[in-house]
Amino acid sequence: MAESHRNLEAMVKVLKSEQKRTGKKLLWGTACLFAHPRYAQGAATSPKADVFACAAAQVKAALDATHELGGQGYVFWGGREGYATLLNTNMKRELDHLARLLWLAVDYKKSIGFQGEFYIEPKPREPTTHQYDSDAAACLNFLREYRLEKHLKLNIETNHATLALHTMRHELTVAANAGALGSIDANRGDELLGWDTDQFRRTFT
């Protein structure tokens, strides 16, 4: 983890110099909380405290990088926050832990003076069978239950809407009606797998 953070800091320096050279800006940052084997049973919802700590540290590092590069927002991008079976899953405890990580991020955002918005990207599966952030309505219900609705909006992705058996228009309408449409991740992917083949991102302020 320490080596990974050092590498990220080195890359941020290069990216910042390239921003000055090219004039390009950062829309938003994120952290991949599902590719590493440690996240096989979730990141914030993992049953292991040390995995939760690693996820929190990774989010902190990604937030620092996003802030340093002048990002307009930060996306909590999917992951393995879900389950395969309820036979060995404590759903309430896992959701409590997920909300705890988000509240930690909200507090840290304030402490570093990051002015960008926070987004959750709804995703029904890929890679776990049942995701807690399955669609726009589920995410909004979660945010309201844990009193996070003032701190996070939604980043709606086209192919994730398809995987949730919704249309993109449906997901956008649900988010917009709640005043929670923050960003669009428009892409074209496999309707069964969800792998993106083309992407276009836009953030609404």
N, C-alpha and C. Protein backbone atom coordinates (compact mmCIF):
# COMPACT_ATOMS: atom_id res chain seq x y z
N MET A 1 0.82 -1.20 0.00
CA MET A 1 0.00 0.00 0.00
C MET A 1 0.87 1.26 0.00
N ALA A 2 1.91 1.29 0.84
CA ALA A 2 2.78 2.45 0.90
C ALA A 2 3.48 2.69 -0.44
N GLU A 3 3.93 1.60 -1.05
CA GLU A 3 4.59 1.72 -2.36
C GLU A 3 3.62 2.23 -3.41
N SER A 4 2.39 1.74 -3.36
CA SER A 4 1.36 2.20 -4.30
C SER A 4 1.11 3.69 -4.16
N HIS A 5 1.05 4.18 -2.92
CA HIS A 5 0.82 5.60 -2.68
C HIS A 5 2.00 6.44 -3.17
N ARG A 6 3.21 5.93 -2.96
CA ARG A 6 4.39 6.66 -3.47
C ARG A 6 4.35 6.75 -4.99
N ASN A 7 3.97 5.67 -5.62
CA ASN A 7 3.87 5.67 -7.09
C ASN A 7 2.82 6.66 -7.57
N LEU A 8 1.68 6.70 -6.85
CA LEU A 8 0.63 7.64 -7.22
C LEU A 8 1.11 9.08 -7.08
N GLU A 9 1.81 9.38 -6.00
CA GLU A 9 2.33 10.73 -5.80
C GLU A 9 3.29 11.12 -6.91
N ALA A 10 4.10 10.16 -7.36
CA ALA A 10 5.03 10.44 -8.45
C ALA A 10 4.28 10.71 -9.75
N MET A 11 3.23 9.95 -9.99
CA MET A 11 2.44 10.15 -11.21
C MET A 11 1.70 11.47 -11.19
N VAL A 12 1.22 11.89 -10.00
CA VAL A 12 0.51 13.15 -9.89
C VAL A 12 1.42 14.31 -10.29
N LYS A 13 2.69 14.25 -9.89
CA LYS A 13 3.63 15.30 -10.27
C LYS A 13 3.77 15.40 -11.78
N VAL A 14 3.85 14.25 -12.44
CA VAL A 14 3.96 14.23 -13.90
C VAL A 14 2.68 14.76 -14.54
N LEU A 15 1.55 14.29 -14.04
CA LEU A 15 0.27 14.72 -14.60
C LEU A 15 0.05 16.23 -14.41
N LYS A 16 0.48 16.74 -13.28
CA LYS A 16 0.31 18.18 -13.03
C LYS A 16 1.14 19.00 -14.01
N SER A 17 2.36 18.53 -14.29
CA SER A 17 3.20 19.24 -15.27
C SER A 17 2.60 19.16 -16.67
N GLU A 18 1.98 18.02 -16.98
CA GLU A 18 1.34 17.88 -18.28
C GLU A 18 0.09 18.75 -18.38
N GLN A 19 -0.60 18.93 -17.27
CA GLN A 19 -1.75 19.84 -17.27
C GLN A 19 -1.32 21.26 -17.60
N LYS A 20 -0.22 21.68 -17.02
CA LYS A 20 0.30 23.02 -17.30
C LYS A 20 0.72 23.16 -18.76
N ARG A 21 1.29 22.08 -19.30
CA ARG A 21 1.77 22.12 -20.69
C ARG A 21 0.62 22.11 -21.68
N THR A 22 -0.42 21.31 -21.41
CA THR A 22 -1.50 21.11 -22.38
C THR A 22 -2.76 21.93 -22.09
N GLY A 23 -2.91 22.37 -20.85
CA GLY A 23 -4.13 23.09 -20.49
C GLY A 23 -5.31 22.17 -20.19
N LYS A 24 -5.08 20.87 -20.19
CA LYS A 24 -6.16 19.93 -19.91
C LYS A 24 -6.51 19.93 -18.42
N LYS A 25 -7.80 19.71 -18.13
CA LYS A 25 -8.28 19.70 -16.76
C LYS A 25 -8.84 18.33 -16.40
N LEU A 26 -8.91 18.09 -15.11
CA LEU A 26 -9.44 16.81 -14.61
C LEU A 26 -10.92 16.95 -14.28
N LEU A 27 -11.75 16.08 -14.87
CA LEU A 27 -13.17 16.09 -14.57
C LEU A 27 -13.41 15.54 -13.16
N TRP A 28 -13.05 14.27 -12.96
CA TRP A 28 -13.14 13.71 -11.62
C TRP A 28 -12.14 12.57 -11.44
N GLY A 29 -11.88 12.26 -10.18
CA GLY A 29 -11.00 11.16 -9.83
C GLY A 29 -11.79 10.02 -9.22
N THR A 30 -11.13 8.88 -9.05
CA THR A 30 -11.78 7.72 -8.45
C THR A 30 -10.71 6.75 -7.96
N ALA A 31 -11.13 5.71 -7.27
CA ALA A 31 -10.22 4.66 -6.82
C ALA A 31 -10.82 3.31 -7.19
N CYS A 32 -9.99 2.41 -7.65
CA CYS A 32 -10.44 1.06 -8.01
C CYS A 32 -10.41 0.18 -6.76
N LEU A 33 -11.59 -0.08 -6.22
CA LEU A 33 -11.69 -0.86 -5.00
C LEU A 33 -12.25 -2.26 -5.26
N PHE A 34 -11.84 -2.86 -6.40
CA PHE A 34 -12.31 -4.22 -6.65
C PHE A 34 -11.30 -5.10 -7.37
N ALA A 35 -10.30 -4.54 -8.02
CA ALA A 35 -9.38 -5.34 -8.82
C ALA A 35 -8.42 -6.17 -7.96
N HIS A 36 -7.94 -5.61 -6.87
CA HIS A 36 -6.98 -6.32 -6.02
C HIS A 36 -7.68 -7.47 -5.29
N PRO A 37 -7.01 -8.61 -5.15
CA PRO A 37 -7.62 -9.76 -4.48
C PRO A 37 -8.11 -9.47 -3.06
N ARG A 38 -7.53 -8.47 -2.39
CA ARG A 38 -7.97 -8.17 -1.03
C ARG A 38 -9.45 -7.76 -0.98
N TYR A 39 -9.96 -7.28 -2.13
CA TYR A 39 -11.34 -6.81 -2.18
C TYR A 39 -12.31 -7.86 -2.70
N ALA A 40 -11.90 -9.12 -2.66
CA ALA A 40 -12.76 -10.20 -3.17
C ALA A 40 -14.10 -10.26 -2.45
N GLN A 41 -14.12 -9.89 -1.17
CA GLN A 41 -15.36 -9.90 -0.39
C GLN A 41 -15.85 -8.49 -0.08
N GLY A 42 -15.46 -7.55 -0.91
CA GLY A 42 -15.89 -6.18 -0.71
C GLY A 42 -14.74 -5.30 -0.23
N ALA A 43 -14.96 -4.00 -0.27
CA ALA A 43 -13.98 -3.04 0.22
C ALA A 43 -14.49 -2.46 1.54
N ALA A 44 -15.39 -1.48 1.46
CA ALA A 44 -15.99 -0.95 2.68
C ALA A 44 -16.87 -1.99 3.36
N THR A 45 -17.41 -2.93 2.60
CA THR A 45 -18.31 -3.95 3.16
C THR A 45 -17.61 -5.27 3.45
N SER A 46 -16.29 -5.28 3.36
CA SER A 46 -15.54 -6.50 3.67
C SER A 46 -15.71 -6.89 5.13
N PRO A 47 -15.73 -8.19 5.43
CA PRO A 47 -15.81 -8.62 6.83
C PRO A 47 -14.49 -8.44 7.58
N LYS A 48 -13.45 -8.00 6.89
CA LYS A 48 -12.14 -7.84 7.51
C LYS A 48 -11.83 -6.35 7.74
N ALA A 49 -11.50 -6.00 8.97
CA ALA A 49 -11.24 -4.60 9.31
C ALA A 49 -10.03 -4.05 8.57
N ASP A 50 -9.01 -4.89 8.36
CA ASP A 50 -7.82 -4.39 7.67
C ASP A 50 -8.11 -4.07 6.21
N VAL A 51 -9.05 -4.78 5.60
CA VAL A 51 -9.44 -4.48 4.22
C VAL A 51 -10.18 -3.15 4.16
N PHE A 52 -11.06 -2.92 5.12
CA PHE A 52 -11.74 -1.61 5.22
C PHE A 52 -10.71 -0.49 5.34
N ALA A 53 -9.70 -0.72 6.18
CA ALA A 53 -8.66 0.30 6.37
C ALA A 53 -7.89 0.56 5.08
N CYS A 54 -7.59 -0.50 4.34
CA CYS A 54 -6.90 -0.33 3.05
C CYS A 54 -7.75 0.46 2.07
N ALA A 55 -9.05 0.16 2.03
CA ALA A 55 -9.95 0.87 1.14
C ALA A 55 -10.01 2.34 1.51
N ALA A 56 -10.10 2.64 2.81
CA ALA A 56 -10.15 4.03 3.26
C ALA A 56 -8.86 4.76 2.90
N ALA A 57 -7.72 4.09 3.08
CA ALA A 57 -6.43 4.70 2.73
C ALA A 57 -6.33 4.96 1.23
N GLN A 58 -6.85 4.03 0.44
CA GLN A 58 -6.82 4.19 -1.02
C GLN A 58 -7.70 5.36 -1.46
N VAL A 59 -8.88 5.48 -0.85
CA VAL A 59 -9.76 6.61 -1.16
C VAL A 59 -9.09 7.92 -0.77
N LYS A 60 -8.47 7.96 0.40
CA LYS A 60 -7.76 9.17 0.84
C LYS A 60 -6.69 9.57 -0.16
N ALA A 61 -5.89 8.60 -0.60
CA ALA A 61 -4.83 8.90 -1.57
C ALA A 61 -5.40 9.40 -2.88
N ALA A 62 -6.49 8.78 -3.33
CA ALA A 62 -7.12 9.20 -4.58
C ALA A 62 -7.73 10.59 -4.45
N LEU A 63 -8.29 10.90 -3.29
CA LEU A 63 -8.83 12.23 -3.05
C LEU A 63 -7.73 13.27 -3.03
N ASP A 64 -6.61 12.94 -2.41
CA ASP A 64 -5.47 13.86 -2.41
C ASP A 64 -5.01 14.14 -3.84
N ALA A 65 -4.94 13.09 -4.66
CA ALA A 65 -4.52 13.25 -6.05
C ALA A 65 -5.52 14.09 -6.83
N THR A 66 -6.80 13.81 -6.64
CA THR A 66 -7.85 14.57 -7.33
C THR A 66 -7.80 16.04 -6.96
N HIS A 67 -7.62 16.31 -5.68
CA HIS A 67 -7.53 17.69 -5.18
C HIS A 67 -6.31 18.40 -5.77
N GLU A 68 -5.18 17.72 -5.76
CA GLU A 68 -3.94 18.30 -6.27
C GLU A 68 -4.05 18.64 -7.75
N LEU A 69 -4.79 17.83 -8.49
CA LEU A 69 -4.91 18.03 -9.94
C LEU A 69 -6.12 18.90 -10.32
N GLY A 70 -6.79 19.45 -9.31
CA GLY A 70 -7.90 20.36 -9.59
C GLY A 70 -9.14 19.68 -10.12
N GLY A 71 -9.40 18.46 -9.72
CA GLY A 71 -10.57 17.72 -10.20
C GLY A 71 -11.87 18.39 -9.77
N GLN A 72 -12.87 18.28 -10.64
CA GLN A 72 -14.17 18.88 -10.35
C GLN A 72 -15.05 18.00 -9.46
N GLY A 73 -14.67 16.73 -9.33
CA GLY A 73 -15.45 15.82 -8.51
C GLY A 73 -14.70 14.54 -8.22
N TYR A 74 -15.35 13.68 -7.45
CA TYR A 74 -14.78 12.38 -7.11
C TYR A 74 -15.89 11.35 -7.14
N VAL A 75 -15.64 10.23 -7.83
CA VAL A 75 -16.65 9.18 -7.99
C VAL A 75 -16.31 7.95 -7.15
N PHE A 76 -17.28 7.49 -6.35
CA PHE A 76 -17.16 6.20 -5.68
C PHE A 76 -17.67 5.17 -6.68
N TRP A 77 -16.73 4.57 -7.36
CA TRP A 77 -16.99 3.83 -8.59
C TRP A 77 -17.12 2.33 -8.31
N GLY A 78 -18.34 1.92 -8.05
CA GLY A 78 -18.62 0.49 -7.96
C GLY A 78 -17.74 -0.24 -6.96
N GLY A 79 -17.23 -1.35 -7.36
CA GLY A 79 -16.44 -2.20 -6.48
C GLY A 79 -17.17 -3.51 -6.27
N ARG A 80 -16.89 -4.15 -5.17
CA ARG A 80 -17.54 -5.43 -4.84
C ARG A 80 -18.43 -5.27 -3.62
N GLU A 81 -19.08 -4.11 -3.50
CA GLU A 81 -19.94 -3.85 -2.36
C GLU A 81 -21.29 -4.53 -2.59
N GLY A 82 -21.32 -5.81 -2.35
CA GLY A 82 -22.52 -6.60 -2.57
C GLY A 82 -22.32 -7.99 -1.97
N TYR A 83 -23.10 -8.96 -2.42
CA TYR A 83 -23.00 -10.30 -1.84
C TYR A 83 -23.40 -11.35 -2.87
N ALA A 84 -22.98 -12.57 -2.58
CA ALA A 84 -23.36 -13.71 -3.41
C ALA A 84 -24.56 -14.44 -2.83
N THR A 85 -24.65 -14.48 -1.50
CA THR A 85 -25.78 -15.14 -0.84
C THR A 85 -26.02 -14.49 0.51
N LEU A 86 -27.28 -14.41 0.93
CA LEU A 86 -27.62 -13.85 2.24
C LEU A 86 -27.41 -14.85 3.37
N LEU A 87 -27.08 -16.11 3.02
CA LEU A 87 -26.89 -17.13 4.04
C LEU A 87 -25.71 -16.82 4.96
N ASN A 88 -24.73 -16.08 4.44
CA ASN A 88 -23.58 -15.72 5.28
C ASN A 88 -23.29 -14.22 5.21
N THR A 89 -24.33 -13.43 5.00
CA THR A 89 -24.16 -11.98 4.83
C THR A 89 -24.99 -11.22 5.87
N ASN A 90 -24.35 -10.29 6.56
CA ASN A 90 -25.05 -9.38 7.46
C ASN A 90 -25.24 -8.07 6.70
N MET A 91 -26.34 -7.96 5.97
CA MET A 91 -26.56 -6.82 5.08
C MET A 91 -26.55 -5.49 5.84
N LYS A 92 -27.23 -5.43 6.98
CA LYS A 92 -27.31 -4.17 7.73
C LYS A 92 -25.92 -3.71 8.16
N ARG A 93 -25.12 -4.62 8.68
CA ARG A 93 -23.78 -4.25 9.13
C ARG A 93 -22.92 -3.78 7.96
N GLU A 94 -23.03 -4.46 6.83
CA GLU A 94 -22.24 -4.07 5.66
C GLU A 94 -22.64 -2.69 5.15
N LEU A 95 -23.94 -2.41 5.13
CA LEU A 95 -24.39 -1.09 4.70
C LEU A 95 -23.94 -0.01 5.68
N ASP A 96 -23.95 -0.33 6.97
CA ASP A 96 -23.44 0.61 7.97
C ASP A 96 -21.98 0.94 7.70
N HIS A 97 -21.21 -0.08 7.37
CA HIS A 97 -19.78 0.13 7.10
C HIS A 97 -19.56 0.93 5.83
N LEU A 98 -20.37 0.68 4.81
CA LEU A 98 -20.26 1.44 3.57
C LEU A 98 -20.56 2.92 3.84
N ALA A 99 -21.61 3.17 4.61
CA ALA A 99 -21.93 4.56 4.96
C ALA A 99 -20.82 5.19 5.79
N ARG A 100 -20.19 4.41 6.66
CA ARG A 100 -19.10 4.92 7.48
C ARG A 100 -17.94 5.39 6.61
N LEU A 101 -17.60 4.61 5.60
CA LEU A 101 -16.51 5.00 4.71
C LEU A 101 -16.85 6.31 3.99
N LEU A 102 -18.09 6.44 3.54
CA LEU A 102 -18.49 7.66 2.85
C LEU A 102 -18.46 8.86 3.78
N TRP A 103 -18.88 8.69 5.03
CA TRP A 103 -18.82 9.79 5.98
C TRP A 103 -17.38 10.18 6.29
N LEU A 104 -16.49 9.19 6.36
CA LEU A 104 -15.06 9.49 6.55
C LEU A 104 -14.53 10.32 5.39
N ALA A 105 -14.96 9.96 4.18
CA ALA A 105 -14.54 10.71 2.99
C ALA A 105 -15.09 12.13 3.00
N VAL A 106 -16.34 12.28 3.42
CA VAL A 106 -16.95 13.61 3.51
C VAL A 106 -16.17 14.48 4.49
N ASP A 107 -15.83 13.92 5.64
CA ASP A 107 -15.08 14.67 6.64
C ASP A 107 -13.68 15.03 6.12
N TYR A 108 -13.05 14.09 5.42
CA TYR A 108 -11.70 14.36 4.90
C TYR A 108 -11.75 15.41 3.80
N LYS A 109 -12.77 15.35 2.97
CA LYS A 109 -12.95 16.36 1.92
C LYS A 109 -12.97 17.76 2.52
N LYS A 110 -13.69 17.93 3.61
CA LYS A 110 -13.76 19.23 4.27
C LYS A 110 -12.40 19.63 4.84
N SER A 111 -11.68 18.67 5.39
CA SER A 111 -10.41 18.98 6.05
C SER A 111 -9.34 19.45 5.08
N ILE A 112 -9.40 18.99 3.81
CA ILE A 112 -8.39 19.40 2.83
C ILE A 112 -8.90 20.54 1.94
N GLY A 113 -10.14 20.93 2.13
CA GLY A 113 -10.68 22.03 1.35
C GLY A 113 -11.03 21.68 -0.08
N PHE A 114 -11.33 20.42 -0.33
CA PHE A 114 -11.71 20.00 -1.68
C PHE A 114 -13.13 20.51 -1.98
N GLN A 115 -13.26 21.25 -3.07
CA GLN A 115 -14.54 21.89 -3.40
C GLN A 115 -15.37 21.09 -4.41
N GLY A 116 -14.83 20.00 -4.92
CA GLY A 116 -15.55 19.21 -5.91
C GLY A 116 -16.70 18.43 -5.28
N GLU A 117 -17.56 17.90 -6.14
CA GLU A 117 -18.70 17.11 -5.66
C GLU A 117 -18.33 15.63 -5.56
N PHE A 118 -19.06 14.91 -4.73
CA PHE A 118 -18.94 13.47 -4.59
C PHE A 118 -20.08 12.81 -5.36
N TYR A 119 -19.75 11.69 -6.03
CA TYR A 119 -20.75 10.94 -6.79
C TYR A 119 -20.68 9.46 -6.45
N ILE A 120 -21.84 8.80 -6.49
CA ILE A 120 -21.91 7.34 -6.48
C ILE A 120 -22.35 6.89 -7.86
N GLU A 121 -21.71 5.85 -8.38
CA GLU A 121 -22.09 5.32 -9.69
C GLU A 121 -22.89 4.03 -9.50
N PRO A 122 -24.19 4.05 -9.72
CA PRO A 122 -25.01 2.84 -9.55
C PRO A 122 -24.54 1.71 -10.48
N LYS A 123 -24.56 0.49 -9.92
CA LYS A 123 -24.13 -0.67 -10.71
C LYS A 123 -24.78 -1.91 -10.13
N PRO A 124 -25.61 -2.65 -10.89
CA PRO A 124 -26.37 -3.76 -10.33
C PRO A 124 -25.57 -5.05 -10.11
N ARG A 125 -24.59 -5.29 -10.91
CA ARG A 125 -23.72 -6.46 -10.77
C ARG A 125 -22.43 -6.13 -11.51
N GLU A 126 -21.56 -7.13 -11.64
CA GLU A 126 -20.25 -6.88 -12.25
C GLU A 126 -19.32 -6.22 -11.24
N PRO A 127 -18.68 -6.97 -10.36
CA PRO A 127 -18.54 -8.41 -10.48
C PRO A 127 -19.44 -9.24 -9.56
N THR A 128 -19.97 -8.67 -8.45
CA THR A 128 -20.76 -9.50 -7.55
C THR A 128 -22.19 -9.67 -8.08
N THR A 129 -22.88 -10.65 -7.55
CA THR A 129 -24.22 -10.98 -8.05
C THR A 129 -25.25 -9.92 -7.68
N HIS A 130 -25.19 -9.46 -6.44
CA HIS A 130 -26.14 -8.44 -5.95
C HIS A 130 -25.34 -7.27 -5.39
N GLN A 131 -25.43 -6.11 -6.05
CA GLN A 131 -24.73 -4.93 -5.59
C GLN A 131 -25.67 -4.07 -4.75
N TYR A 132 -25.13 -3.48 -3.68
CA TYR A 132 -25.94 -2.58 -2.86
C TYR A 132 -26.28 -1.29 -3.60
N ASP A 133 -25.41 -0.89 -4.53
CA ASP A 133 -25.64 0.33 -5.32
C ASP A 133 -26.22 -0.03 -6.68
N SER A 134 -27.28 -0.83 -6.68
CA SER A 134 -27.76 -1.49 -7.90
C SER A 134 -28.32 -0.54 -8.95
N ASP A 135 -29.03 0.50 -8.55
CA ASP A 135 -29.54 1.46 -9.53
C ASP A 135 -29.73 2.80 -8.84
N ALA A 136 -30.22 3.79 -9.58
CA ALA A 136 -30.35 5.14 -9.04
C ALA A 136 -31.25 5.17 -7.82
N ALA A 137 -32.39 4.47 -7.88
CA ALA A 137 -33.34 4.48 -6.76
C ALA A 137 -32.72 3.86 -5.51
N ALA A 138 -32.00 2.76 -5.67
CA ALA A 138 -31.36 2.11 -4.52
C ALA A 138 -30.31 3.01 -3.90
N CYS A 139 -29.54 3.70 -4.73
CA CYS A 139 -28.51 4.61 -4.22
C CYS A 139 -29.14 5.78 -3.48
N LEU A 140 -30.22 6.32 -4.02
CA LEU A 140 -30.89 7.44 -3.37
C LEU A 140 -31.46 7.02 -2.02
N ASN A 141 -32.04 5.83 -1.96
CA ASN A 141 -32.58 5.33 -0.70
C ASN A 141 -31.48 5.16 0.33
N PHE A 142 -30.34 4.63 -0.10
CA PHE A 142 -29.19 4.45 0.79
C PHE A 142 -28.70 5.80 1.31
N LEU A 143 -28.54 6.77 0.42
CA LEU A 143 -28.05 8.09 0.83
C LEU A 143 -29.00 8.75 1.83
N ARG A 144 -30.29 8.61 1.60
CA ARG A 144 -31.27 9.21 2.51
C ARG A 144 -31.26 8.51 3.87
N GLU A 145 -31.17 7.18 3.86
CA GLU A 145 -31.18 6.43 5.11
C GLU A 145 -30.02 6.81 6.01
N TYR A 146 -28.86 7.08 5.40
CA TYR A 146 -27.68 7.42 6.19
C TYR A 146 -27.38 8.92 6.18
N ARG A 147 -28.36 9.72 5.77
CA ARG A 147 -28.27 11.18 5.80
C ARG A 147 -27.07 11.72 5.03
N LEU A 148 -26.81 11.09 3.91
CA LEU A 148 -25.70 11.49 3.04
C LEU A 148 -26.17 12.22 1.79
N GLU A 149 -27.49 12.42 1.67
CA GLU A 149 -28.02 12.96 0.41
C GLU A 149 -27.54 14.38 0.12
N LYS A 150 -27.12 15.12 1.14
CA LYS A 150 -26.61 16.47 0.91
C LYS A 150 -25.16 16.48 0.47
N HIS A 151 -24.52 15.32 0.55
CA HIS A 151 -23.08 15.26 0.29
C HIS A 151 -22.71 14.50 -0.99
N LEU A 152 -23.64 13.72 -1.53
CA LEU A 152 -23.33 12.93 -2.71
C LEU A 152 -24.45 13.01 -3.74
N LYS A 153 -24.06 13.04 -5.02
CA LYS A 153 -25.00 12.93 -6.12
C LYS A 153 -24.67 11.66 -6.90
N LEU A 154 -25.34 11.44 -8.02
CA LEU A 154 -25.16 10.20 -8.77
C LEU A 154 -24.42 10.44 -10.08
N ASN A 155 -23.57 9.50 -10.42
CA ASN A 155 -22.91 9.45 -11.72
C ASN A 155 -23.55 8.28 -12.47
N ILE A 156 -24.38 8.59 -13.46
CA ILE A 156 -25.16 7.56 -14.15
C ILE A 156 -24.42 7.06 -15.37
N GLU A 157 -24.26 5.74 -15.46
CA GLU A 157 -23.59 5.12 -16.61
C GLU A 157 -24.60 4.36 -17.46
N THR A 158 -24.48 4.52 -18.76
CA THR A 158 -25.43 3.92 -19.69
C THR A 158 -25.49 2.41 -19.54
N ASN A 159 -24.35 1.75 -19.58
CA ASN A 159 -24.37 0.29 -19.56
C ASN A 159 -24.79 -0.28 -18.22
N HIS A 160 -24.54 0.45 -17.14
CA HIS A 160 -25.02 -0.01 -15.84
C HIS A 160 -26.53 0.08 -15.76
N ALA A 161 -27.11 1.08 -16.42
CA ALA A 161 -28.57 1.16 -16.50
C ALA A 161 -29.12 -0.07 -17.22
N THR A 162 -28.44 -0.48 -18.29
CA THR A 162 -28.85 -1.66 -19.03
C THR A 162 -28.78 -2.91 -18.15
N LEU A 163 -27.68 -3.05 -17.40
CA LEU A 163 -27.52 -4.21 -16.53
C LEU A 163 -28.58 -4.26 -15.43
N ALA A 164 -29.10 -3.09 -15.06
CA ALA A 164 -30.16 -3.03 -14.05
C ALA A 164 -31.54 -3.24 -14.66
N LEU A 165 -31.57 -3.55 -15.95
CA LEU A 165 -32.81 -3.75 -16.70
C LEU A 165 -33.64 -2.47 -16.79
N HIS A 166 -32.94 -1.33 -16.79
CA HIS A 166 -33.56 -0.03 -16.99
C HIS A 166 -33.04 0.57 -18.29
N THR A 167 -33.68 1.64 -18.73
CA THR A 167 -33.11 2.44 -19.80
C THR A 167 -32.27 3.55 -19.17
N MET A 168 -31.38 4.12 -19.97
CA MET A 168 -30.58 5.25 -19.49
C MET A 168 -31.51 6.42 -19.13
N ARG A 169 -32.55 6.62 -19.94
CA ARG A 169 -33.49 7.71 -19.66
C ARG A 169 -34.15 7.52 -18.29
N HIS A 170 -34.50 6.26 -17.98
CA HIS A 170 -35.11 5.98 -16.68
C HIS A 170 -34.18 6.40 -15.54
N GLU A 171 -32.93 5.97 -15.60
CA GLU A 171 -31.97 6.27 -14.53
C GLU A 171 -31.72 7.77 -14.41
N LEU A 172 -31.60 8.43 -15.56
CA LEU A 172 -31.39 9.88 -15.54
C LEU A 172 -32.59 10.60 -14.93
N THR A 173 -33.80 10.13 -15.27
CA THR A 173 -35.00 10.76 -14.75
C THR A 173 -35.11 10.59 -13.24
N VAL A 174 -34.82 9.40 -12.74
CA VAL A 174 -34.88 9.14 -11.30
C VAL A 174 -33.90 10.05 -10.57
N ALA A 175 -32.67 10.15 -11.09
CA ALA A 175 -31.67 10.99 -10.45
C ALA A 175 -32.03 12.47 -10.53
N ALA A 176 -32.49 12.90 -11.71
CA ALA A 176 -32.82 14.31 -11.90
C ALA A 176 -34.02 14.73 -11.05
N ASN A 177 -35.03 13.86 -10.96
CA ASN A 177 -36.21 14.18 -10.16
C ASN A 177 -35.87 14.37 -8.69
N ALA A 178 -34.81 13.71 -8.24
CA ALA A 178 -34.38 13.83 -6.84
C ALA A 178 -33.37 14.96 -6.64
N GLY A 179 -33.06 15.66 -7.72
CA GLY A 179 -32.06 16.72 -7.64
C GLY A 179 -30.67 16.17 -7.39
N ALA A 180 -30.43 14.92 -7.84
CA ALA A 180 -29.18 14.24 -7.53
C ALA A 180 -28.40 13.82 -8.77
N LEU A 181 -28.74 14.38 -9.95
CA LEU A 181 -27.98 14.05 -11.15
C LEU A 181 -26.73 14.90 -11.18
N GLY A 182 -25.60 14.27 -10.99
CA GLY A 182 -24.35 15.02 -10.94
C GLY A 182 -23.48 14.85 -12.15
N SER A 183 -23.43 13.62 -12.72
CA SER A 183 -22.52 13.35 -13.83
C SER A 183 -23.06 12.21 -14.67
N ILE A 184 -22.68 12.19 -15.94
CA ILE A 184 -23.09 11.13 -16.86
C ILE A 184 -21.84 10.43 -17.40
N ASP A 185 -21.84 9.12 -17.31
CA ASP A 185 -20.79 8.29 -17.90
C ASP A 185 -21.45 7.55 -19.06
N ALA A 186 -21.44 8.17 -20.23
CA ALA A 186 -22.15 7.62 -21.40
C ALA A 186 -21.22 6.67 -22.15
N ASN A 187 -21.69 5.46 -22.36
CA ASN A 187 -20.86 4.49 -23.06
C ASN A 187 -21.73 3.52 -23.85
N ARG A 188 -21.06 2.58 -24.49
CA ARG A 188 -21.76 1.54 -25.22
C ARG A 188 -21.04 0.24 -24.90
N GLY A 189 -21.77 -0.73 -24.33
CA GLY A 189 -21.11 -1.96 -23.91
C GLY A 189 -21.95 -3.19 -24.16
N ASP A 190 -21.42 -4.33 -23.76
CA ASP A 190 -22.11 -5.60 -23.92
C ASP A 190 -23.28 -5.66 -22.94
N GLU A 191 -24.48 -5.96 -23.41
CA GLU A 191 -25.66 -5.95 -22.56
C GLU A 191 -25.63 -7.05 -21.50
N LEU A 192 -24.82 -8.07 -21.69
CA LEU A 192 -24.74 -9.17 -20.74
C LEU A 192 -23.58 -8.98 -19.75
N LEU A 193 -22.47 -8.45 -20.23
CA LEU A 193 -21.28 -8.35 -19.41
C LEU A 193 -21.10 -6.98 -18.78
N GLY A 194 -21.45 -5.95 -19.54
CA GLY A 194 -21.28 -4.60 -19.03
C GLY A 194 -19.95 -3.97 -19.37
N TRP A 195 -19.11 -4.67 -20.15
CA TRP A 195 -17.81 -4.09 -20.48
C TRP A 195 -17.98 -2.96 -21.48
N ASP A 196 -17.34 -1.84 -21.18
CA ASP A 196 -17.49 -0.66 -22.02
C ASP A 196 -16.71 -0.80 -23.33
N THR A 197 -17.30 -0.31 -24.42
CA THR A 197 -16.60 -0.25 -25.69
C THR A 197 -16.37 1.18 -26.14
N ASP A 198 -17.08 2.10 -25.53
CA ASP A 198 -16.90 3.50 -25.87
C ASP A 198 -17.43 4.33 -24.71
N GLN A 199 -16.77 5.45 -24.42
CA GLN A 199 -17.19 6.24 -23.27
C GLN A 199 -17.16 7.72 -23.57
N PHE A 200 -18.08 8.43 -22.95
CA PHE A 200 -18.11 9.89 -22.99
C PHE A 200 -18.65 10.36 -21.66
N ARG A 201 -17.89 11.16 -20.95
CA ARG A 201 -18.27 11.60 -19.61
C ARG A 201 -18.61 13.08 -19.63
N ARG A 202 -19.61 13.43 -18.84
CA ARG A 202 -20.01 14.82 -18.69
C ARG A 202 -20.54 15.04 -17.29
N THR A 203 -20.18 16.16 -16.70
CA THR A 203 -20.64 16.49 -15.37
C THR A 203 -21.52 17.72 -15.43
N PHE A 204 -22.62 17.68 -14.66
CA PHE A 204 -23.54 18.79 -14.61
C PHE A 204 -23.36 19.53 -13.30
N THR A 205 -23.30 20.84 -13.33
CA THR A 205 -23.14 21.64 -12.12
C THR A 205 -24.33 22.57 -11.97
